[in-house]
Amino acid sequence: MVRLDSEISIVIAGSAASVLREEITRDANDCDIVEVLPISAEHIVINAGMNVSGALNFNQNWLNAECMSWKNDFPQGWNERCTQYCTYDNLTVLLMSQLDCVVMMLIRFLSPDKISENALADIKEIGLTKEEMQSVQQHITNIGQKNDWDTSRLITFFS
């Protein structure tokens, strides 16, 4: 069992991570968490987000762990590329790497039940290099085939 005075780390991804890195200028509507360590602390972190949502004037589910189920589709080594953003008492906040965030945004865009309208605009604003985009395209094509997703919506995006 995790106590409130235990060391906890979270990995933030998606647009919230991009906003914190100052890569995109829009406000993030939510904060995607892709990992909480120890795993048993996930409910503590999510409940804390729900508890402060009213005071922050945020949606109750602004802090969410929906993306945790996609971790098997992230590029290998994604967790090793995370960087530390800050530490608050016993909470360490890490950010998913830029390239891995882009992959996550595209997974959200392609997943039939989690379409994000902002994903493509955010990725364009982030401004990946041609080589990075090719790497992302290859990875998305592979996981799209594995998950039987229609990746045709991205043909013009990658050209």
N, C-alpha and C. Protein backbone atom coordinates (compact mmCIF):
# COMPACT_ATOMS: atom_id res chain seq x y z
N MET A 1 0.84 -1.19 0.00
CA MET A 1 0.00 0.00 0.00
C MET A 1 0.88 1.25 0.00
N VAL A 2 0.50 2.23 -0.81
CA VAL A 2 1.25 3.47 -0.91
C VAL A 2 0.71 4.46 0.12
N ARG A 3 1.61 5.06 0.85
CA ARG A 3 1.22 6.10 1.80
C ARG A 3 1.44 7.45 1.15
N LEU A 4 0.78 8.46 1.66
CA LEU A 4 0.90 9.80 1.08
C LEU A 4 2.32 10.35 1.18
N ASP A 5 3.13 9.83 2.09
CA ASP A 5 4.50 10.32 2.20
C ASP A 5 5.48 9.48 1.38
N SER A 6 4.98 8.55 0.56
CA SER A 6 5.82 7.74 -0.31
C SER A 6 6.29 8.56 -1.51
N GLU A 7 7.42 8.14 -2.07
CA GLU A 7 7.90 8.77 -3.30
C GLU A 7 7.02 8.30 -4.46
N ILE A 8 6.52 9.26 -5.24
CA ILE A 8 5.66 8.96 -6.38
C ILE A 8 6.19 9.71 -7.59
N SER A 9 6.18 9.05 -8.75
CA SER A 9 6.53 9.75 -9.98
C SER A 9 5.44 9.53 -11.01
N ILE A 10 5.21 10.56 -11.81
CA ILE A 10 4.23 10.48 -12.89
C ILE A 10 4.89 10.94 -14.18
N VAL A 11 4.45 10.36 -15.29
CA VAL A 11 4.91 10.78 -16.61
C VAL A 11 3.73 11.42 -17.32
N ILE A 12 3.90 12.67 -17.70
CA ILE A 12 2.87 13.43 -18.42
C ILE A 12 3.19 13.39 -19.91
N ALA A 13 2.14 13.25 -20.71
CA ALA A 13 2.32 13.16 -22.17
C ALA A 13 1.33 14.08 -22.87
N GLY A 14 1.27 13.96 -24.17
CA GLY A 14 0.28 14.68 -24.97
C GLY A 14 0.48 16.19 -24.97
N SER A 15 -0.61 16.89 -25.15
CA SER A 15 -0.54 18.34 -25.29
C SER A 15 -0.06 19.01 -24.00
N ALA A 16 -0.39 18.44 -22.84
CA ALA A 16 0.07 19.03 -21.58
C ALA A 16 1.59 19.04 -21.51
N ALA A 17 2.22 17.94 -21.92
CA ALA A 17 3.69 17.90 -21.93
C ALA A 17 4.24 18.91 -22.94
N SER A 18 3.58 19.02 -24.08
CA SER A 18 4.03 19.98 -25.10
C SER A 18 3.88 21.42 -24.64
N VAL A 19 2.81 21.71 -23.90
CA VAL A 19 2.62 23.05 -23.33
C VAL A 19 3.72 23.34 -22.31
N LEU A 20 4.00 22.39 -21.44
CA LEU A 20 5.04 22.59 -20.42
C LEU A 20 6.42 22.79 -21.04
N ARG A 21 6.67 22.15 -22.19
CA ARG A 21 7.94 22.34 -22.90
C ARG A 21 7.91 23.59 -23.79
N GLU A 22 6.76 24.29 -23.79
CA GLU A 22 6.55 25.50 -24.59
C GLU A 22 6.68 25.23 -26.09
N GLU A 23 6.20 24.08 -26.53
CA GLU A 23 6.23 23.71 -27.95
C GLU A 23 4.94 24.10 -28.66
N ILE A 24 3.85 24.18 -27.90
CA ILE A 24 2.58 24.61 -28.48
C ILE A 24 2.02 25.73 -27.60
N THR A 25 1.22 26.58 -28.22
CA THR A 25 0.76 27.78 -27.52
C THR A 25 -0.66 27.67 -26.98
N ARG A 26 -1.43 26.71 -27.43
CA ARG A 26 -2.81 26.61 -26.94
C ARG A 26 -2.81 26.05 -25.52
N ASP A 27 -3.92 26.26 -24.82
CA ASP A 27 -4.09 25.66 -23.50
C ASP A 27 -4.43 24.18 -23.67
N ALA A 28 -3.89 23.36 -22.80
CA ALA A 28 -4.25 21.94 -22.80
C ALA A 28 -5.55 21.78 -22.00
N ASN A 29 -6.47 21.02 -22.53
CA ASN A 29 -7.75 20.80 -21.85
C ASN A 29 -7.67 19.73 -20.78
N ASP A 30 -6.64 18.91 -20.86
CA ASP A 30 -6.48 17.83 -19.90
C ASP A 30 -5.00 17.55 -19.71
N CYS A 31 -4.71 16.60 -18.85
CA CYS A 31 -3.34 16.21 -18.59
C CYS A 31 -3.30 14.69 -18.64
N ASP A 32 -2.67 14.16 -19.67
CA ASP A 32 -2.58 12.72 -19.86
C ASP A 32 -1.39 12.17 -19.08
N ILE A 33 -1.67 11.20 -18.24
CA ILE A 33 -0.61 10.52 -17.50
C ILE A 33 -0.43 9.14 -18.12
N VAL A 34 0.80 8.81 -18.50
CA VAL A 34 1.04 7.50 -19.11
C VAL A 34 1.72 6.53 -18.16
N GLU A 35 2.19 7.04 -17.03
CA GLU A 35 2.79 6.13 -16.05
C GLU A 35 2.78 6.77 -14.67
N VAL A 36 2.47 5.95 -13.68
CA VAL A 36 2.54 6.34 -12.28
C VAL A 36 3.35 5.27 -11.59
N LEU A 37 4.37 5.68 -10.87
CA LEU A 37 5.19 4.73 -10.10
C LEU A 37 5.24 5.17 -8.66
N PRO A 38 5.04 4.29 -7.73
CA PRO A 38 4.64 2.90 -7.95
C PRO A 38 3.23 2.82 -8.53
N ILE A 39 2.96 1.73 -9.21
CA ILE A 39 1.68 1.54 -9.87
C ILE A 39 0.52 1.69 -8.89
N SER A 40 0.73 1.25 -7.68
CA SER A 40 -0.35 1.31 -6.67
C SER A 40 -0.73 2.74 -6.28
N ALA A 41 0.04 3.74 -6.73
CA ALA A 41 -0.26 5.13 -6.41
C ALA A 41 -1.17 5.80 -7.43
N GLU A 42 -1.53 5.09 -8.51
CA GLU A 42 -2.35 5.70 -9.55
C GLU A 42 -3.64 6.30 -8.99
N HIS A 43 -4.33 5.57 -8.14
CA HIS A 43 -5.60 6.08 -7.60
C HIS A 43 -5.38 7.33 -6.74
N ILE A 44 -4.27 7.41 -6.04
CA ILE A 44 -3.97 8.59 -5.22
C ILE A 44 -3.79 9.81 -6.11
N VAL A 45 -3.05 9.65 -7.20
CA VAL A 45 -2.78 10.76 -8.11
C VAL A 45 -4.06 11.22 -8.80
N ILE A 46 -4.83 10.27 -9.33
CA ILE A 46 -6.07 10.62 -10.03
C ILE A 46 -7.07 11.27 -9.07
N ASN A 47 -7.19 10.72 -7.87
CA ASN A 47 -8.10 11.32 -6.88
C ASN A 47 -7.66 12.73 -6.48
N ALA A 48 -6.37 12.95 -6.37
CA ALA A 48 -5.86 14.29 -6.06
C ALA A 48 -6.27 15.26 -7.17
N GLY A 49 -6.15 14.82 -8.43
CA GLY A 49 -6.58 15.66 -9.55
C GLY A 49 -8.05 16.00 -9.48
N MET A 50 -8.86 15.02 -9.14
CA MET A 50 -10.30 15.26 -9.01
C MET A 50 -10.60 16.21 -7.85
N ASN A 51 -9.86 16.07 -6.76
CA ASN A 51 -10.10 16.91 -5.58
C ASN A 51 -9.78 18.37 -5.82
N VAL A 52 -8.80 18.66 -6.65
CA VAL A 52 -8.44 20.07 -6.88
C VAL A 52 -9.12 20.66 -8.11
N SER A 53 -9.86 19.84 -8.86
CA SER A 53 -10.45 20.33 -10.11
C SER A 53 -11.37 21.52 -9.91
N GLY A 54 -12.18 21.51 -8.87
CA GLY A 54 -13.10 22.63 -8.62
C GLY A 54 -12.36 23.91 -8.32
N ALA A 55 -11.35 23.82 -7.48
CA ALA A 55 -10.57 25.01 -7.11
C ALA A 55 -9.83 25.59 -8.31
N LEU A 56 -9.46 24.73 -9.24
CA LEU A 56 -8.75 25.19 -10.44
C LEU A 56 -9.68 25.53 -11.59
N ASN A 57 -10.99 25.30 -11.38
CA ASN A 57 -11.99 25.51 -12.42
C ASN A 57 -11.72 24.62 -13.65
N PHE A 58 -11.31 23.38 -13.38
CA PHE A 58 -11.04 22.39 -14.43
C PHE A 58 -12.15 21.35 -14.44
N ASN A 59 -12.27 20.66 -15.57
CA ASN A 59 -13.13 19.49 -15.66
C ASN A 59 -12.66 18.48 -14.62
N GLN A 60 -13.57 17.76 -14.02
CA GLN A 60 -13.22 16.82 -12.95
C GLN A 60 -12.22 15.76 -13.41
N ASN A 61 -12.25 15.40 -14.68
CA ASN A 61 -11.35 14.37 -15.21
C ASN A 61 -10.17 14.97 -15.99
N TRP A 62 -9.78 16.19 -15.65
CA TRP A 62 -8.69 16.84 -16.37
C TRP A 62 -7.39 16.05 -16.25
N LEU A 63 -7.18 15.42 -15.12
CA LEU A 63 -6.01 14.58 -14.91
C LEU A 63 -6.45 13.15 -15.11
N ASN A 64 -5.94 12.51 -16.16
CA ASN A 64 -6.46 11.18 -16.48
C ASN A 64 -5.34 10.23 -16.88
N ALA A 65 -5.65 8.95 -16.78
CA ALA A 65 -4.67 7.90 -17.10
C ALA A 65 -5.15 7.04 -18.26
N GLU A 66 -6.01 7.59 -19.12
CA GLU A 66 -6.54 6.82 -20.25
C GLU A 66 -5.44 6.29 -21.16
N CYS A 67 -4.38 7.05 -21.33
CA CYS A 67 -3.31 6.69 -22.25
C CYS A 67 -2.45 5.53 -21.75
N MET A 68 -2.58 5.18 -20.48
CA MET A 68 -1.78 4.09 -19.94
C MET A 68 -2.03 2.78 -20.69
N SER A 69 -3.23 2.62 -21.20
CA SER A 69 -3.55 1.39 -21.92
C SER A 69 -2.88 1.31 -23.29
N TRP A 70 -2.30 2.41 -23.76
CA TRP A 70 -1.66 2.43 -25.07
C TRP A 70 -0.16 2.19 -25.00
N LYS A 71 0.38 2.01 -23.81
CA LYS A 71 1.83 1.93 -23.65
C LYS A 71 2.49 0.88 -24.54
N ASN A 72 1.79 -0.20 -24.82
CA ASN A 72 2.37 -1.24 -25.69
C ASN A 72 2.56 -0.77 -27.12
N ASP A 73 1.87 0.31 -27.49
CA ASP A 73 2.00 0.85 -28.84
C ASP A 73 3.02 1.98 -28.93
N PHE A 74 3.56 2.42 -27.81
CA PHE A 74 4.58 3.48 -27.85
C PHE A 74 5.90 2.92 -28.36
N PRO A 75 6.74 3.76 -28.95
CA PRO A 75 8.05 3.29 -29.42
C PRO A 75 8.87 2.69 -28.27
N GLN A 76 9.61 1.65 -28.61
CA GLN A 76 10.45 0.99 -27.61
C GLN A 76 11.39 2.01 -26.96
N GLY A 77 11.51 1.95 -25.65
CA GLY A 77 12.39 2.84 -24.91
C GLY A 77 11.80 4.19 -24.56
N TRP A 78 10.49 4.36 -24.78
CA TRP A 78 9.85 5.65 -24.52
C TRP A 78 10.09 6.13 -23.09
N ASN A 79 10.03 5.20 -22.13
CA ASN A 79 10.17 5.60 -20.72
C ASN A 79 11.60 6.02 -20.37
N GLU A 80 12.57 5.56 -21.15
CA GLU A 80 13.96 5.97 -20.93
C GLU A 80 14.24 7.37 -21.49
N ARG A 81 13.39 7.83 -22.39
CA ARG A 81 13.59 9.15 -23.00
C ARG A 81 12.85 10.27 -22.26
N CYS A 82 12.13 9.93 -21.20
CA CYS A 82 11.42 10.95 -20.42
C CYS A 82 12.43 11.85 -19.71
N THR A 83 12.04 13.10 -19.52
CA THR A 83 12.91 14.04 -18.80
C THR A 83 12.18 14.57 -17.57
N GLN A 84 12.95 14.83 -16.54
CA GLN A 84 12.35 15.35 -15.32
C GLN A 84 11.96 16.80 -15.52
N TYR A 85 10.73 17.12 -15.15
CA TYR A 85 10.23 18.49 -15.26
C TYR A 85 10.35 19.21 -13.92
N CYS A 86 9.88 18.59 -12.85
CA CYS A 86 9.94 19.21 -11.53
C CYS A 86 9.69 18.18 -10.44
N THR A 87 9.94 18.60 -9.22
CA THR A 87 9.64 17.78 -8.06
C THR A 87 8.92 18.65 -7.04
N TYR A 88 7.79 18.15 -6.54
CA TYR A 88 7.02 18.80 -5.48
C TYR A 88 6.99 17.85 -4.30
N ASP A 89 7.70 18.18 -3.27
CA ASP A 89 7.78 17.31 -2.10
C ASP A 89 8.16 15.90 -2.53
N ASN A 90 7.23 14.95 -2.39
CA ASN A 90 7.54 13.56 -2.74
C ASN A 90 7.03 13.16 -4.13
N LEU A 91 6.57 14.13 -4.92
CA LEU A 91 6.06 13.86 -6.27
C LEU A 91 7.04 14.36 -7.31
N THR A 92 7.51 13.46 -8.18
CA THR A 92 8.38 13.82 -9.29
C THR A 92 7.56 13.76 -10.57
N VAL A 93 7.62 14.85 -11.34
CA VAL A 93 6.88 14.94 -12.60
C VAL A 93 7.87 14.84 -13.75
N LEU A 94 7.63 13.85 -14.61
CA LEU A 94 8.46 13.64 -15.80
C LEU A 94 7.62 13.94 -17.03
N LEU A 95 8.27 14.35 -18.11
CA LEU A 95 7.58 14.60 -19.38
C LEU A 95 8.03 13.58 -20.40
N MET A 96 7.07 13.04 -21.12
CA MET A 96 7.37 12.14 -22.23
C MET A 96 8.12 12.94 -23.29
N SER A 97 9.04 12.31 -23.99
CA SER A 97 9.82 13.02 -25.01
C SER A 97 8.91 13.55 -26.11
N GLN A 98 9.42 14.56 -26.81
CA GLN A 98 8.65 15.19 -27.88
C GLN A 98 8.20 14.18 -28.93
N LEU A 99 9.13 13.37 -29.41
CA LEU A 99 8.81 12.40 -30.45
C LEU A 99 7.80 11.37 -29.97
N ASP A 100 7.96 10.88 -28.74
CA ASP A 100 7.02 9.91 -28.20
C ASP A 100 5.64 10.53 -27.96
N CYS A 101 5.61 11.81 -27.59
CA CYS A 101 4.33 12.52 -27.45
C CYS A 101 3.60 12.59 -28.79
N VAL A 102 4.35 12.85 -29.85
CA VAL A 102 3.74 12.92 -31.18
C VAL A 102 3.12 11.58 -31.55
N VAL A 103 3.84 10.49 -31.27
CA VAL A 103 3.29 9.16 -31.54
C VAL A 103 2.01 8.97 -30.73
N MET A 104 2.03 9.35 -29.45
CA MET A 104 0.84 9.21 -28.61
C MET A 104 -0.33 10.04 -29.15
N MET A 105 -0.05 11.26 -29.61
CA MET A 105 -1.11 12.10 -30.17
C MET A 105 -1.71 11.46 -31.42
N LEU A 106 -0.87 10.83 -32.24
CA LEU A 106 -1.38 10.18 -33.44
C LEU A 106 -2.16 8.91 -33.10
N ILE A 107 -1.73 8.21 -32.07
CA ILE A 107 -2.51 7.05 -31.62
C ILE A 107 -3.90 7.52 -31.20
N ARG A 108 -3.94 8.61 -30.45
CA ARG A 108 -5.23 9.16 -30.03
C ARG A 108 -6.04 9.59 -31.25
N PHE A 109 -5.40 10.18 -32.24
CA PHE A 109 -6.09 10.64 -33.44
C PHE A 109 -6.67 9.45 -34.22
N LEU A 110 -5.91 8.36 -34.30
CA LEU A 110 -6.33 7.21 -35.10
C LEU A 110 -7.27 6.26 -34.39
N SER A 111 -7.17 6.19 -33.08
CA SER A 111 -7.99 5.27 -32.33
C SER A 111 -9.46 5.64 -32.50
N PRO A 112 -10.27 4.70 -32.97
CA PRO A 112 -11.67 5.04 -33.30
C PRO A 112 -12.47 5.65 -32.14
N ASP A 113 -12.14 5.30 -30.91
CA ASP A 113 -12.92 5.81 -29.79
C ASP A 113 -12.29 7.00 -29.08
N LYS A 114 -11.15 7.47 -29.55
CA LYS A 114 -10.44 8.55 -28.85
C LYS A 114 -9.95 9.63 -29.82
N ILE A 115 -10.71 9.95 -30.83
CA ILE A 115 -10.26 10.92 -31.82
C ILE A 115 -10.04 12.29 -31.18
N SER A 116 -8.89 12.86 -31.44
CA SER A 116 -8.56 14.20 -30.94
C SER A 116 -8.43 15.14 -32.12
N GLU A 117 -9.28 16.14 -32.16
CA GLU A 117 -9.27 17.09 -33.27
C GLU A 117 -8.04 17.99 -33.25
N ASN A 118 -7.45 18.20 -32.08
CA ASN A 118 -6.30 19.10 -31.96
C ASN A 118 -4.97 18.44 -32.30
N ALA A 119 -4.95 17.12 -32.39
CA ALA A 119 -3.69 16.39 -32.52
C ALA A 119 -2.85 16.86 -33.71
N LEU A 120 -3.43 16.90 -34.89
CA LEU A 120 -2.64 17.24 -36.07
C LEU A 120 -2.14 18.68 -36.02
N ALA A 121 -2.97 19.60 -35.56
CA ALA A 121 -2.52 21.00 -35.44
C ALA A 121 -1.40 21.13 -34.42
N ASP A 122 -1.52 20.42 -33.30
CA ASP A 122 -0.46 20.44 -32.29
C ASP A 122 0.85 19.91 -32.85
N ILE A 123 0.78 18.81 -33.57
CA ILE A 123 2.00 18.19 -34.12
C ILE A 123 2.66 19.13 -35.12
N LYS A 124 1.86 19.80 -35.94
CA LYS A 124 2.44 20.77 -36.89
C LYS A 124 3.12 21.91 -36.15
N GLU A 125 2.51 22.37 -35.06
CA GLU A 125 3.10 23.46 -34.29
C GLU A 125 4.40 23.02 -33.61
N ILE A 126 4.47 21.77 -33.19
CA ILE A 126 5.69 21.26 -32.56
C ILE A 126 6.85 21.33 -33.54
N GLY A 127 6.61 21.06 -34.82
CA GLY A 127 7.61 21.25 -35.86
C GLY A 127 8.74 20.22 -35.86
N LEU A 128 8.39 18.95 -36.03
CA LEU A 128 9.41 17.91 -36.12
C LEU A 128 10.22 18.05 -37.41
N THR A 129 11.43 17.53 -37.39
CA THR A 129 12.24 17.51 -38.60
C THR A 129 11.68 16.47 -39.56
N LYS A 130 12.14 16.50 -40.79
CA LYS A 130 11.69 15.53 -41.80
C LYS A 130 12.04 14.11 -41.36
N GLU A 131 13.23 13.93 -40.80
CA GLU A 131 13.66 12.60 -40.35
C GLU A 131 12.80 12.11 -39.19
N GLU A 132 12.47 13.00 -38.27
CA GLU A 132 11.61 12.63 -37.15
C GLU A 132 10.22 12.25 -37.64
N MET A 133 9.70 13.00 -38.59
CA MET A 133 8.38 12.68 -39.14
C MET A 133 8.40 11.33 -39.84
N GLN A 134 9.48 11.01 -40.54
CA GLN A 134 9.58 9.70 -41.19
C GLN A 134 9.59 8.58 -40.16
N SER A 135 10.28 8.79 -39.06
CA SER A 135 10.32 7.80 -37.98
C SER A 135 8.93 7.60 -37.39
N VAL A 136 8.24 8.70 -37.14
CA VAL A 136 6.88 8.64 -36.60
C VAL A 136 5.96 7.93 -37.59
N GLN A 137 6.07 8.29 -38.86
CA GLN A 137 5.21 7.68 -39.88
C GLN A 137 5.41 6.16 -39.92
N GLN A 138 6.64 5.70 -39.87
CA GLN A 138 6.91 4.26 -39.90
C GLN A 138 6.29 3.58 -38.69
N HIS A 139 6.47 4.17 -37.53
CA HIS A 139 5.92 3.57 -36.31
C HIS A 139 4.39 3.53 -36.36
N ILE A 140 3.78 4.62 -36.77
CA ILE A 140 2.31 4.69 -36.83
C ILE A 140 1.77 3.71 -37.86
N THR A 141 2.45 3.56 -38.98
CA THR A 141 2.02 2.59 -40.00
C THR A 141 2.04 1.19 -39.41
N ASN A 142 3.10 0.86 -38.69
CA ASN A 142 3.22 -0.48 -38.10
C ASN A 142 2.13 -0.75 -37.06
N ILE A 143 1.90 0.20 -36.14
CA ILE A 143 0.88 -0.06 -35.12
C ILE A 143 -0.53 0.06 -35.70
N GLY A 144 -0.67 0.87 -36.75
CA GLY A 144 -1.96 0.96 -37.42
C GLY A 144 -2.35 -0.38 -38.03
N GLN A 145 -1.38 -1.06 -38.64
CA GLN A 145 -1.65 -2.38 -39.21
C GLN A 145 -1.96 -3.39 -38.10
N LYS A 146 -1.19 -3.33 -37.02
CA LYS A 146 -1.39 -4.25 -35.90
C LYS A 146 -2.78 -4.09 -35.29
N ASN A 147 -3.26 -2.84 -35.20
CA ASN A 147 -4.55 -2.56 -34.57
C ASN A 147 -5.70 -2.43 -35.56
N ASP A 148 -5.39 -2.64 -36.84
CA ASP A 148 -6.39 -2.55 -37.90
C ASP A 148 -7.06 -1.17 -37.93
N TRP A 149 -6.23 -0.13 -37.81
CA TRP A 149 -6.73 1.25 -37.89
C TRP A 149 -6.64 1.75 -39.32
N ASP A 150 -7.53 2.64 -39.67
CA ASP A 150 -7.50 3.29 -40.98
C ASP A 150 -6.53 4.46 -40.90
N THR A 151 -5.33 4.27 -41.44
CA THR A 151 -4.32 5.33 -41.40
C THR A 151 -4.38 6.23 -42.63
N SER A 152 -5.34 6.01 -43.52
CA SER A 152 -5.44 6.82 -44.73
C SER A 152 -5.65 8.30 -44.44
N ARG A 153 -6.24 8.60 -43.27
CA ARG A 153 -6.45 10.01 -42.89
C ARG A 153 -5.14 10.77 -42.72
N LEU A 154 -4.04 10.04 -42.61
CA LEU A 154 -2.75 10.69 -42.37
C LEU A 154 -1.90 10.84 -43.62
N ILE A 155 -2.37 10.35 -44.76
CA ILE A 155 -1.55 10.40 -45.97
C ILE A 155 -1.13 11.82 -46.30
N THR A 156 -2.06 12.76 -46.32
CA THR A 156 -1.70 14.14 -46.63
C THR A 156 -0.90 14.78 -45.50
N PHE A 157 -1.16 14.36 -44.29
CA PHE A 157 -0.41 14.91 -43.15
C PHE A 157 1.06 14.60 -43.27
N PHE A 158 1.42 13.39 -43.68
CA PHE A 158 2.82 12.99 -43.76
C PHE A 158 3.47 13.41 -45.08
N SER A 159 2.72 13.97 -46.04
CA SER A 159 3.35 14.37 -47.30
C SER A 159 3.87 15.77 -47.26
